[in-house]
N, C-alpha and C. Protein backbone atom coordinates (compact mmCIF):
# COMPACT_ATOMS: atom_id res chain seq x y z
N MET A 1 81.86 113.80 89.56
CA MET A 1 83.13 114.54 89.37
C MET A 1 83.32 114.55 87.67
N SER A 2 83.42 115.58 86.84
CA SER A 2 83.59 115.41 85.52
C SER A 2 85.19 115.03 85.10
N ILE A 3 85.28 114.33 84.07
CA ILE A 3 86.56 113.84 83.69
C ILE A 3 87.67 115.06 83.15
N LEU A 4 88.63 115.29 84.06
CA LEU A 4 89.75 116.06 83.52
C LEU A 4 90.60 115.77 82.62
N ILE A 5 91.15 116.55 81.81
CA ILE A 5 91.80 116.16 80.68
C ILE A 5 93.17 117.09 80.83
N ALA A 6 94.24 116.34 80.78
CA ALA A 6 95.42 117.30 80.88
C ALA A 6 96.36 116.71 79.79
N PRO A 7 96.42 117.41 78.59
CA PRO A 7 97.33 117.34 77.30
C PRO A 7 98.66 117.31 77.82
N SER A 8 99.43 116.24 77.18
CA SER A 8 100.80 116.26 77.66
C SER A 8 101.59 117.26 76.70
N ILE A 9 102.21 118.23 77.04
CA ILE A 9 102.86 119.31 76.14
C ILE A 9 104.13 118.65 75.69
N LEU A 10 104.65 117.43 76.35
CA LEU A 10 105.99 116.87 75.60
C LEU A 10 105.90 116.26 74.31
N ALA A 11 104.32 116.17 73.70
CA ALA A 11 104.25 115.30 72.43
C ALA A 11 103.77 116.71 71.54
N ALA A 12 103.94 117.82 71.93
CA ALA A 12 103.70 118.90 71.02
C ALA A 12 104.82 119.34 70.23
N ASP A 13 104.37 120.07 69.19
CA ASP A 13 105.77 120.63 68.29
C ASP A 13 106.31 121.73 69.02
N PHE A 14 107.50 121.51 69.35
CA PHE A 14 108.21 122.57 69.92
C PHE A 14 108.88 123.86 68.94
N GLY A 15 108.71 123.53 67.91
CA GLY A 15 109.07 124.52 66.78
C GLY A 15 107.92 125.42 66.72
N THR A 16 106.63 125.17 67.31
CA THR A 16 105.63 125.89 67.25
C THR A 16 105.06 126.05 68.58
N LEU A 17 105.89 126.18 69.66
CA LEU A 17 105.19 126.03 71.06
C LEU A 17 104.17 127.26 71.35
N ASN A 18 104.50 128.29 70.76
CA ASN A 18 103.63 129.42 71.04
C ASN A 18 102.09 129.06 70.63
N THR A 19 102.30 128.54 69.25
CA THR A 19 100.83 128.11 68.80
C THR A 19 100.14 126.81 69.57
N GLU A 20 101.20 125.83 69.75
CA GLU A 20 100.60 124.66 70.40
C GLU A 20 99.76 125.22 71.85
N VAL A 21 100.48 125.89 72.55
CA VAL A 21 99.74 126.27 73.95
C VAL A 21 98.39 127.31 73.62
N GLU A 22 98.68 128.20 72.57
CA GLU A 22 97.51 128.69 72.31
C GLU A 22 96.24 128.14 71.99
N MET A 23 96.76 126.76 71.25
CA MET A 23 95.74 125.96 70.95
C MET A 23 94.83 125.42 72.42
N LEU A 24 95.69 125.00 73.31
CA LEU A 24 95.23 124.49 74.28
C LEU A 24 94.61 125.67 75.25
N ASN A 25 94.94 126.85 75.23
CA ASN A 25 94.21 127.54 76.01
C ASN A 25 92.87 128.17 75.57
N VAL A 26 92.68 127.67 74.22
CA VAL A 26 91.15 127.81 73.76
C VAL A 26 90.49 126.46 73.65
N SER A 27 90.82 125.42 74.02
CA SER A 27 90.47 123.94 74.17
C SER A 27 89.56 123.86 75.45
N ASP A 28 89.01 122.70 75.62
CA ASP A 28 88.38 122.35 76.85
C ASP A 28 89.29 121.46 77.81
N ALA A 29 90.54 121.53 77.56
CA ALA A 29 91.57 121.04 78.51
C ALA A 29 91.35 121.57 79.72
N ASP A 30 91.53 120.97 80.90
CA ASP A 30 91.74 121.45 82.17
C ASP A 30 93.04 121.90 82.82
N TYR A 31 94.05 121.08 82.44
CA TYR A 31 95.33 121.29 82.81
C TYR A 31 96.53 121.17 81.50
N ILE A 32 97.47 121.65 81.80
CA ILE A 32 98.79 121.22 80.73
C ILE A 32 99.67 120.63 81.48
N HIS A 33 99.88 119.05 81.14
CA HIS A 33 100.76 118.12 81.78
C HIS A 33 102.15 118.18 81.44
N ILE A 34 102.96 118.56 82.17
CA ILE A 34 104.51 118.97 82.07
C ILE A 34 105.23 117.68 82.60
N ASP A 35 105.98 117.07 81.80
CA ASP A 35 106.83 115.96 82.13
C ASP A 35 108.09 116.13 82.57
N ILE A 36 108.93 116.43 83.44
CA ILE A 36 110.14 116.76 83.75
C ILE A 36 111.15 115.45 83.96
N MET A 37 112.06 115.25 83.08
CA MET A 37 112.69 113.88 83.27
C MET A 37 114.20 114.20 83.25
N ASP A 38 115.02 113.49 84.23
CA ASP A 38 116.47 113.81 84.43
C ASP A 38 117.46 113.08 83.55
N GLY A 39 116.99 112.09 82.90
CA GLY A 39 117.89 111.17 82.41
C GLY A 39 118.63 110.24 83.28
N VAL A 40 118.11 110.20 84.64
CA VAL A 40 118.86 109.25 85.46
C VAL A 40 117.58 108.41 86.17
N PHE A 41 116.68 109.26 86.88
CA PHE A 41 115.70 108.15 87.13
C PHE A 41 114.85 107.61 86.01
N VAL A 42 114.67 108.36 84.90
CA VAL A 42 114.33 107.68 83.76
C VAL A 42 115.41 107.93 82.49
N PRO A 43 115.42 106.88 81.44
CA PRO A 43 116.14 106.96 80.42
C PRO A 43 116.19 107.99 79.63
N ASN A 44 115.80 109.29 79.95
CA ASN A 44 115.40 110.40 78.71
C ASN A 44 115.44 111.53 79.42
N ILE A 45 115.62 112.65 78.74
CA ILE A 45 115.60 114.30 79.23
C ILE A 45 114.47 114.76 78.55
N SER A 46 113.63 115.79 79.16
CA SER A 46 112.61 116.34 78.31
C SER A 46 113.19 117.75 78.47
N PHE A 47 112.73 118.64 79.24
CA PHE A 47 113.31 120.09 79.06
C PHE A 47 113.46 120.59 80.52
N GLY A 48 114.08 121.67 80.56
CA GLY A 48 114.18 122.44 82.03
C GLY A 48 113.35 123.65 82.31
N PHE A 49 113.57 123.91 83.46
CA PHE A 49 112.59 125.16 83.82
C PHE A 49 112.62 126.47 83.03
N PRO A 50 113.63 126.85 82.16
CA PRO A 50 113.53 128.05 81.26
C PRO A 50 112.49 127.87 80.18
N VAL A 51 112.33 126.45 79.63
CA VAL A 51 111.19 126.11 78.73
C VAL A 51 109.83 126.17 79.61
N ILE A 52 109.84 125.56 80.65
CA ILE A 52 108.44 125.49 81.34
C ILE A 52 108.10 126.94 81.81
N GLU A 53 109.07 128.02 82.17
CA GLU A 53 108.68 129.23 82.62
C GLU A 53 108.16 129.82 81.43
N SER A 54 108.68 129.65 79.92
CA SER A 54 107.93 130.07 78.82
C SER A 54 106.43 129.66 78.70
N ILE A 55 106.29 128.47 78.86
CA ILE A 55 104.93 127.55 78.79
C ILE A 55 104.07 128.34 79.98
N LYS A 56 104.64 128.66 81.15
CA LYS A 56 103.84 129.25 82.19
C LYS A 56 103.30 130.68 81.53
N LYS A 57 104.13 131.47 81.07
CA LYS A 57 103.74 132.87 80.43
C LYS A 57 102.66 132.73 79.39
N LEU A 58 102.80 131.84 78.66
CA LEU A 58 101.87 131.78 77.41
C LEU A 58 100.49 131.18 77.83
N SER A 59 100.38 130.14 78.76
CA SER A 59 99.30 129.18 79.22
C SER A 59 98.40 129.88 80.18
N SER A 60 96.95 129.84 80.01
CA SER A 60 95.84 130.19 80.83
C SER A 60 95.39 129.04 81.44
N LYS A 61 95.95 127.99 81.27
CA LYS A 61 95.40 126.79 82.10
C LYS A 61 96.66 126.46 82.94
N PRO A 62 96.02 125.70 84.04
CA PRO A 62 97.01 125.39 85.14
C PRO A 62 97.81 124.21 84.71
N LEU A 63 98.99 124.16 85.33
CA LEU A 63 100.13 123.21 85.02
C LEU A 63 100.26 122.16 85.96
N ASP A 64 100.56 120.99 85.21
CA ASP A 64 100.27 119.62 86.32
C ASP A 64 101.80 118.93 85.77
N PHE A 65 102.50 119.41 86.97
CA PHE A 65 104.05 118.97 87.10
C PHE A 65 103.93 117.40 87.38
N HIS A 66 104.87 116.56 86.52
CA HIS A 66 105.14 115.14 86.69
C HIS A 66 106.63 115.17 86.85
N LEU A 67 107.14 114.94 87.95
CA LEU A 67 108.75 114.74 88.25
C LEU A 67 109.12 113.69 88.17
N MET A 68 109.56 113.11 86.89
CA MET A 68 110.49 111.83 86.67
C MET A 68 112.03 111.96 87.23
N ILE A 69 112.33 112.38 88.40
CA ILE A 69 113.49 112.76 88.75
C ILE A 69 114.12 112.15 89.83
N GLN A 70 115.30 112.03 90.28
CA GLN A 70 115.73 111.76 91.56
C GLN A 70 115.84 112.93 92.41
N ASN A 71 115.48 112.70 93.71
CA ASN A 71 115.89 113.89 94.69
C ASN A 71 114.79 115.11 94.24
N PRO A 72 113.42 114.79 94.11
CA PRO A 72 112.70 115.63 93.85
C PRO A 72 112.46 116.70 94.70
N ASP A 73 112.75 116.58 95.85
CA ASP A 73 112.51 117.34 96.89
C ASP A 73 113.29 118.69 96.55
N LEU A 74 114.32 118.70 96.19
CA LEU A 74 115.56 119.88 95.65
C LEU A 74 114.58 120.76 94.90
N TYR A 75 113.67 120.43 94.01
CA TYR A 75 113.13 121.31 92.97
C TYR A 75 111.57 121.64 93.38
N ILE A 76 111.16 121.34 94.49
CA ILE A 76 109.76 121.84 94.73
C ILE A 76 109.68 123.20 94.56
N ASP A 77 110.53 124.08 95.35
CA ASP A 77 110.33 125.44 95.34
C ASP A 77 110.28 126.03 93.76
N GLN A 78 111.52 125.47 93.00
CA GLN A 78 111.25 125.83 91.50
C GLN A 78 110.15 125.73 90.79
N CYS A 79 109.85 124.40 91.24
CA CYS A 79 108.25 124.04 90.19
C CYS A 79 106.99 125.04 90.76
N VAL A 80 107.02 125.27 91.99
CA VAL A 80 106.02 126.26 92.37
C VAL A 80 106.30 127.88 91.62
N GLU A 81 107.43 128.11 91.72
CA GLU A 81 107.84 129.33 91.19
C GLU A 81 107.51 129.53 89.63
N SER A 82 107.64 128.00 88.81
CA SER A 82 107.48 128.10 87.61
C SER A 82 106.02 127.65 86.97
N GLY A 83 105.17 128.16 88.02
CA GLY A 83 103.49 127.75 87.75
C GLY A 83 102.79 126.60 87.97
N ALA A 84 103.58 125.81 88.91
CA ALA A 84 102.81 124.47 89.05
C ALA A 84 101.68 124.54 90.12
N ALA A 85 100.60 123.93 89.39
CA ALA A 85 99.20 123.99 90.49
C ALA A 85 99.12 122.53 90.81
N ILE A 86 99.68 121.30 90.28
CA ILE A 86 99.98 120.10 90.92
C ILE A 86 101.43 119.99 90.77
N ILE A 87 101.86 118.85 91.70
CA ILE A 87 103.15 118.53 91.47
C ILE A 87 103.17 117.10 92.06
N SER A 88 103.53 116.32 91.08
CA SER A 88 103.48 114.72 91.43
C SER A 88 104.77 114.10 91.31
N VAL A 89 105.14 113.45 92.64
CA VAL A 89 106.26 112.86 92.43
C VAL A 89 106.43 111.02 92.42
N HIS A 90 107.43 110.65 91.95
CA HIS A 90 107.20 109.29 91.91
C HIS A 90 107.48 108.65 93.55
N TYR A 91 106.38 107.56 93.81
CA TYR A 91 106.87 106.72 95.07
C TYR A 91 108.28 106.27 94.84
N GLU A 92 108.69 105.80 93.98
CA GLU A 92 110.04 105.01 93.79
C GLU A 92 111.29 105.86 93.98
N ALA A 93 111.03 107.31 93.86
CA ALA A 93 112.17 108.35 94.27
C ALA A 93 112.17 108.97 95.44
N CYS A 94 111.21 108.57 96.39
CA CYS A 94 110.73 109.32 97.60
C CYS A 94 111.11 108.31 98.84
N PRO A 95 112.20 108.52 99.55
CA PRO A 95 112.54 107.54 100.74
C PRO A 95 111.42 108.16 101.91
N HIS A 96 111.19 109.37 101.90
CA HIS A 96 110.43 110.20 102.75
C HIS A 96 109.33 110.52 102.14
N LEU A 97 108.23 109.94 101.95
CA LEU A 97 107.35 110.10 100.93
C LEU A 97 106.31 111.21 101.57
N HIS A 98 105.97 110.80 102.95
CA HIS A 98 105.21 111.76 103.77
C HIS A 98 105.46 113.06 103.74
N ARG A 99 106.95 113.23 104.23
CA ARG A 99 107.46 114.60 104.34
C ARG A 99 107.38 115.31 103.08
N THR A 100 107.62 114.55 101.81
CA THR A 100 107.88 115.17 100.69
C THR A 100 106.22 115.74 100.02
N ILE A 101 105.10 115.05 100.48
CA ILE A 101 103.68 115.43 100.36
C ILE A 101 103.62 116.63 101.12
N GLN A 102 103.98 116.77 102.41
CA GLN A 102 103.64 117.86 103.08
C GLN A 102 104.32 119.21 102.54
N SER A 103 105.55 118.80 102.28
CA SER A 103 106.52 120.08 101.71
C SER A 103 105.58 120.78 100.39
N ILE A 104 105.21 119.87 99.58
CA ILE A 104 104.33 120.31 98.61
C ILE A 104 103.25 121.06 98.83
N GLN A 105 102.47 120.36 99.74
CA GLN A 105 101.27 121.01 100.29
C GLN A 105 101.11 122.21 100.98
N GLN A 106 102.57 122.50 101.76
CA GLN A 106 102.76 123.69 102.39
C GLN A 106 102.78 124.86 101.75
N LYS A 107 103.36 124.67 100.25
CA LYS A 107 103.49 125.84 99.21
C LYS A 107 102.19 126.01 98.71
N GLY A 108 101.00 125.56 98.87
CA GLY A 108 99.86 126.04 98.61
C GLY A 108 99.42 125.01 97.21
N VAL A 109 100.26 124.14 96.86
CA VAL A 109 100.09 123.31 95.65
C VAL A 109 99.36 121.97 95.84
N LYS A 110 98.75 121.41 95.17
CA LYS A 110 98.20 120.10 95.16
C LYS A 110 99.65 118.96 95.05
N ALA A 111 99.56 117.92 96.01
CA ALA A 111 100.37 117.00 95.84
C ALA A 111 99.88 115.46 95.22
N GLY A 112 100.80 115.00 94.22
CA GLY A 112 100.29 113.72 93.80
C GLY A 112 101.42 112.90 94.05
N VAL A 113 101.13 111.50 93.83
CA VAL A 113 102.12 110.51 94.07
C VAL A 113 102.12 109.74 92.67
N VAL A 114 103.16 109.41 92.02
CA VAL A 114 103.10 108.61 90.81
C VAL A 114 103.37 107.27 91.18
N LEU A 115 102.95 106.24 90.60
CA LEU A 115 103.19 104.69 90.60
C LEU A 115 103.74 104.10 89.28
N ASN A 116 104.72 103.69 89.17
CA ASN A 116 105.26 102.82 87.99
C ASN A 116 104.38 101.68 87.82
N PRO A 117 104.46 101.07 86.50
CA PRO A 117 103.70 100.06 86.34
C PRO A 117 103.85 98.85 87.26
N HIS A 118 104.99 98.47 87.70
CA HIS A 118 105.29 97.43 88.64
C HIS A 118 105.06 97.55 90.15
N THR A 119 104.50 98.82 90.36
CA THR A 119 104.46 99.19 91.81
C THR A 119 102.93 99.00 92.31
N PRO A 120 102.49 98.39 93.28
CA PRO A 120 101.11 98.25 93.58
C PRO A 120 100.46 99.20 94.20
N VAL A 121 99.19 99.49 94.18
CA VAL A 121 98.47 100.71 94.74
C VAL A 121 98.68 100.59 96.40
N SER A 122 98.80 99.43 96.75
CA SER A 122 98.77 98.97 98.16
C SER A 122 99.91 99.62 99.04
N VAL A 123 101.00 100.23 98.42
CA VAL A 123 101.88 101.11 99.11
C VAL A 123 101.69 102.30 99.32
N LEU A 124 100.46 102.77 99.21
CA LEU A 124 100.02 104.27 99.39
C LEU A 124 98.97 104.12 100.47
N GLU A 125 98.54 103.02 101.04
CA GLU A 125 97.57 103.02 102.00
C GLU A 125 97.76 103.92 103.10
N ASP A 126 98.96 104.06 103.55
CA ASP A 126 99.39 104.86 104.80
C ASP A 126 99.26 106.58 104.63
N VAL A 127 99.30 106.67 103.25
CA VAL A 127 99.28 108.27 102.75
C VAL A 127 98.13 108.69 102.04
N ILE A 128 97.19 107.54 101.58
CA ILE A 128 96.33 108.07 100.36
C ILE A 128 95.31 109.12 101.08
N ASP A 129 95.00 109.19 102.40
CA ASP A 129 94.02 110.10 102.99
C ASP A 129 94.52 111.64 102.74
N MET A 130 95.78 111.77 102.63
CA MET A 130 96.47 112.96 102.60
C MET A 130 96.64 113.58 101.10
N LEU A 131 96.81 112.65 100.21
CA LEU A 131 96.90 113.07 98.90
C LEU A 131 96.00 113.59 98.03
N ASP A 132 96.14 114.45 97.39
CA ASP A 132 95.26 115.08 96.07
C ASP A 132 95.20 114.29 95.13
N LEU A 133 96.31 113.67 94.64
CA LEU A 133 96.18 112.98 93.26
C LEU A 133 96.95 111.71 93.33
N VAL A 134 96.63 110.90 92.72
CA VAL A 134 97.58 109.62 92.32
C VAL A 134 97.57 109.47 90.75
N LEU A 135 98.76 109.19 90.51
CA LEU A 135 99.04 109.30 88.91
C LEU A 135 99.47 107.71 88.71
N ILE A 136 98.81 107.08 87.96
CA ILE A 136 99.01 105.76 87.50
C ILE A 136 99.73 105.69 86.15
N MET A 137 100.96 105.19 86.10
CA MET A 137 101.71 105.14 84.81
C MET A 137 101.18 103.92 84.23
N SER A 138 100.80 104.02 82.92
CA SER A 138 100.11 103.02 82.14
C SER A 138 100.90 102.36 80.85
N VAL A 139 102.24 102.91 81.10
CA VAL A 139 103.71 102.68 80.23
C VAL A 139 104.73 102.63 81.33
N ASN A 140 105.88 102.23 80.98
CA ASN A 140 107.16 102.69 81.72
C ASN A 140 107.54 104.18 81.44
N PRO A 141 107.67 104.93 82.45
CA PRO A 141 107.82 106.24 82.19
C PRO A 141 109.29 106.64 81.58
N GLY A 142 109.39 107.86 80.65
CA GLY A 142 110.50 108.14 79.97
C GLY A 142 110.68 108.34 78.58
N PHE A 143 109.40 107.90 77.77
CA PHE A 143 109.21 107.93 76.53
C PHE A 143 107.80 107.90 76.37
N GLY A 144 107.46 108.73 75.32
CA GLY A 144 106.01 108.58 74.68
C GLY A 144 105.76 107.70 73.60
N GLY A 145 104.65 107.57 73.11
CA GLY A 145 104.12 106.39 72.22
C GLY A 145 104.51 105.06 72.55
N GLN A 146 104.45 104.56 73.77
CA GLN A 146 104.69 103.47 73.98
C GLN A 146 102.94 102.82 74.12
N LYS A 147 103.18 101.14 74.19
CA LYS A 147 101.83 100.59 74.21
C LYS A 147 101.49 100.80 75.44
N PHE A 148 100.06 100.90 75.66
CA PHE A 148 99.62 100.76 76.90
C PHE A 148 99.31 99.48 77.68
N ILE A 149 99.49 99.49 78.99
CA ILE A 149 99.60 98.21 79.84
C ILE A 149 98.24 97.80 80.29
N GLU A 150 97.87 96.91 79.88
CA GLU A 150 96.36 96.22 80.02
C GLU A 150 95.90 96.28 81.59
N ASN A 151 97.08 95.88 82.35
CA ASN A 151 96.92 95.48 83.58
C ASN A 151 96.27 96.95 84.54
N THR A 152 96.57 98.17 83.98
CA THR A 152 96.14 99.39 84.52
C THR A 152 94.73 99.46 84.80
N TYR A 153 93.78 99.00 84.25
CA TYR A 153 92.38 98.96 84.41
C TYR A 153 92.22 98.27 85.86
N GLN A 154 92.60 97.18 86.17
CA GLN A 154 92.63 96.59 87.42
C GLN A 154 93.01 97.47 88.54
N LYS A 155 94.40 98.17 88.30
CA LYS A 155 95.15 98.73 89.25
C LYS A 155 94.15 100.12 89.38
N VAL A 156 93.82 100.74 88.65
CA VAL A 156 92.93 101.77 88.73
C VAL A 156 91.67 101.55 89.62
N ALA A 157 91.01 100.40 89.34
CA ALA A 157 89.93 99.96 90.24
C ALA A 157 90.27 99.70 91.62
N LYS A 158 91.41 99.31 91.89
CA LYS A 158 91.90 98.85 93.26
C LYS A 158 92.17 100.14 93.95
N LEU A 159 92.70 101.08 93.36
CA LEU A 159 92.95 102.40 93.82
C LEU A 159 91.44 103.18 94.28
N GLN A 160 90.62 102.94 93.38
CA GLN A 160 89.41 103.64 93.64
C GLN A 160 88.78 103.25 94.85
N GLN A 161 88.98 101.68 94.98
CA GLN A 161 88.54 101.25 96.39
C GLN A 161 89.17 101.84 97.69
N MET A 162 90.43 102.12 97.43
CA MET A 162 91.19 102.44 98.60
C MET A 162 90.68 103.88 98.77
N ALA A 163 90.47 104.44 97.53
CA ALA A 163 90.00 106.10 97.73
C ALA A 163 88.80 106.28 98.53
N ILE A 164 88.34 105.33 99.15
CA ILE A 164 87.03 105.60 99.88
C ILE A 164 87.27 106.33 101.19
N LYS A 165 88.45 106.45 101.48
CA LYS A 165 88.99 107.42 102.51
C LYS A 165 89.39 108.43 102.00
N ASN A 166 89.32 109.02 100.80
CA ASN A 166 89.31 110.01 100.26
C ASN A 166 88.68 110.40 99.10
N PRO A 167 87.45 110.57 99.43
CA PRO A 167 86.62 110.60 98.22
C PRO A 167 86.88 111.71 96.91
N ASP A 168 87.74 112.71 97.42
CA ASP A 168 88.13 113.75 96.31
C ASP A 168 89.31 113.73 95.79
N LEU A 169 89.90 112.25 95.78
CA LEU A 169 91.14 112.10 95.29
C LEU A 169 91.09 111.99 93.73
N LEU A 170 92.05 112.67 93.01
CA LEU A 170 92.17 112.70 91.56
C LEU A 170 92.89 111.44 91.31
N ILE A 171 92.49 110.74 90.36
CA ILE A 171 92.99 109.40 89.98
C ILE A 171 93.31 109.64 88.41
N GLU A 172 94.66 109.79 88.25
CA GLU A 172 95.25 110.19 86.89
C GLU A 172 95.83 108.97 86.13
N VAL A 173 95.57 108.98 85.04
CA VAL A 173 96.47 107.79 84.23
C VAL A 173 97.27 108.49 83.10
N ASP A 174 98.38 108.02 82.89
CA ASP A 174 99.16 108.63 81.82
C ASP A 174 99.99 107.61 81.22
N GLY A 175 100.09 107.54 79.75
CA GLY A 175 100.61 106.65 79.08
C GLY A 175 100.06 105.78 78.04
N GLY A 176 99.96 105.97 76.90
CA GLY A 176 99.18 105.33 75.88
C GLY A 176 97.55 105.51 75.84
N VAL A 177 97.18 106.46 76.61
CA VAL A 177 95.85 106.77 76.78
C VAL A 177 95.37 107.48 75.50
N ASN A 178 94.25 106.84 74.95
CA ASN A 178 93.59 107.25 73.89
C ASN A 178 92.33 107.36 73.85
N LEU A 179 91.53 107.54 72.49
CA LEU A 179 90.02 107.48 72.59
C LEU A 179 89.44 106.03 72.60
N GLN A 180 90.38 105.06 72.27
CA GLN A 180 89.53 103.62 72.49
C GLN A 180 89.74 103.16 73.72
N ASN A 181 90.62 103.39 74.76
CA ASN A 181 90.74 102.99 76.01
C ASN A 181 90.19 103.93 77.23
N ALA A 182 89.77 105.19 76.78
CA ALA A 182 89.54 106.24 77.60
C ALA A 182 88.20 105.82 78.60
N LYS A 183 87.36 105.23 77.91
CA LYS A 183 85.87 104.89 78.58
C LYS A 183 86.11 103.84 79.38
N GLN A 184 86.92 103.08 79.07
CA GLN A 184 87.04 101.70 80.26
C GLN A 184 88.08 102.18 81.35
N LEU A 185 89.12 103.10 81.14
CA LEU A 185 89.91 103.70 82.35
C LEU A 185 88.74 104.52 83.11
N ILE A 186 87.71 105.23 82.67
CA ILE A 186 86.80 105.98 83.43
C ILE A 186 85.95 105.19 84.32
N GLU A 187 85.63 103.92 83.56
CA GLU A 187 84.60 103.03 84.21
C GLU A 187 85.55 102.48 85.40
N SER A 188 86.57 102.13 85.07
CA SER A 188 87.45 101.85 86.20
C SER A 188 87.91 102.84 87.75
N GLY A 189 87.54 103.84 87.16
CA GLY A 189 87.61 104.75 88.47
C GLY A 189 88.51 106.00 88.00
N ALA A 190 89.32 105.92 87.12
CA ALA A 190 89.91 107.31 86.71
C ALA A 190 89.08 108.59 86.36
N ASN A 191 89.44 109.64 86.95
CA ASN A 191 88.69 110.85 86.63
C ASN A 191 89.71 111.99 86.09
N MET A 192 90.89 111.55 85.57
CA MET A 192 91.85 112.52 84.89
C MET A 192 92.74 111.84 84.20
N LEU A 193 92.82 112.33 82.67
CA LEU A 193 93.55 111.26 81.69
C LEU A 193 94.55 112.37 81.29
N VAL A 194 95.78 111.90 81.21
CA VAL A 194 96.94 112.63 80.33
C VAL A 194 97.16 111.89 78.92
N ALA A 195 97.05 112.76 78.13
CA ALA A 195 96.94 112.32 76.63
C ALA A 195 98.07 113.18 75.91
N GLY A 196 98.90 112.53 75.10
CA GLY A 196 100.12 113.23 74.38
C GLY A 196 99.71 113.01 72.81
N SER A 197 100.33 111.97 72.35
CA SER A 197 100.17 111.72 70.88
C SER A 197 98.56 111.72 70.49
N ALA A 198 98.06 111.22 71.15
CA ALA A 198 96.46 110.81 70.83
C ALA A 198 95.97 112.45 70.74
N ILE A 199 96.32 113.26 71.28
CA ILE A 199 95.98 114.74 70.84
C ILE A 199 96.61 115.46 70.04
N PHE A 200 97.95 115.56 70.21
CA PHE A 200 98.89 116.27 69.37
C PHE A 200 98.93 115.73 68.00
N ALA A 201 99.08 114.45 67.82
CA ALA A 201 99.04 113.95 66.61
C ALA A 201 97.81 113.58 65.61
N SER A 202 96.76 114.02 66.22
CA SER A 202 95.33 113.97 65.64
C SER A 202 95.36 115.05 64.67
N LYS A 203 94.35 115.00 63.61
CA LYS A 203 94.17 115.76 62.60
C LYS A 203 93.50 117.32 63.11
N ASN A 204 92.97 116.82 64.20
CA ASN A 204 91.92 118.41 64.80
C ASN A 204 92.28 118.05 66.40
N PRO A 205 93.44 118.64 67.13
CA PRO A 205 93.49 118.22 68.34
C PRO A 205 92.14 118.94 69.41
N LEU A 206 91.97 120.17 68.80
CA LEU A 206 90.60 120.61 69.41
C LEU A 206 89.32 120.00 69.86
N ASN A 207 89.29 119.28 68.46
CA ASN A 207 88.13 118.07 68.33
C ASN A 207 88.35 116.93 69.39
N THR A 208 89.67 116.63 69.18
CA THR A 208 90.07 115.32 69.97
C THR A 208 90.10 115.63 71.34
N ILE A 209 90.21 116.49 71.96
CA ILE A 209 90.05 117.13 73.18
C ILE A 209 88.52 116.98 73.72
N ASN A 210 87.81 117.81 72.95
CA ASN A 210 86.23 117.73 73.09
C ASN A 210 85.74 116.24 73.01
N GLU A 211 86.56 115.16 72.17
CA GLU A 211 86.00 113.90 72.41
C GLU A 211 86.10 113.09 73.88
N PHE A 212 87.51 113.51 74.03
CA PHE A 212 87.94 112.98 75.53
C PHE A 212 86.99 113.49 76.60
N LYS A 213 86.70 114.67 76.68
CA LYS A 213 85.54 115.24 77.67
C LYS A 213 84.30 114.68 77.24
N SER A 214 83.89 114.20 76.27
CA SER A 214 82.51 113.61 76.25
C SER A 214 82.31 112.05 76.27
N VAL A 215 83.63 111.52 76.61
CA VAL A 215 83.65 110.02 76.64
C VAL A 215 82.62 109.68 77.64
């Protein structure tokens, strides 16, 4: 499986959102990563559905939704209507995880589960065979630009071992991902990387995306 790259639009310049999305459209990026924060589950607020729907209209890339919110079940329909190709929910926010996953997949959308840095991958043992994606947070969610947590490599490797029951599983990593740690993440078992400031703050985002794809 080739490495998938999902630039995080949260790191883009929202003053020139149209230009930023157009850049991604012509890039080798596979998805646009959409971080939705509610200020409750995480101590930050990102943007709401009107902005996301604008991104949908501009984008020719599929959208990868990461819901950092309480009660994500309430917003699944709206995410689908806003163009989600993937909807990932936090394990920590879903008391009925099995039902939430089924609800997403019944909408014809890929379902992912996100694990905070302190949450072991073993909690997914009973659902891993039904998942499309697992997102490993390599920083504490809520803010960009944080330092990468080194234990992530071991966590990804453990998840890859568990994924023997689901060989098509996407193993995504988000938080502090850059060209310096991408190779080791891929060698550990990741096959999808989210990068924000590493792409949008670079001198040439298109070249940076190409570099990620060729790691």
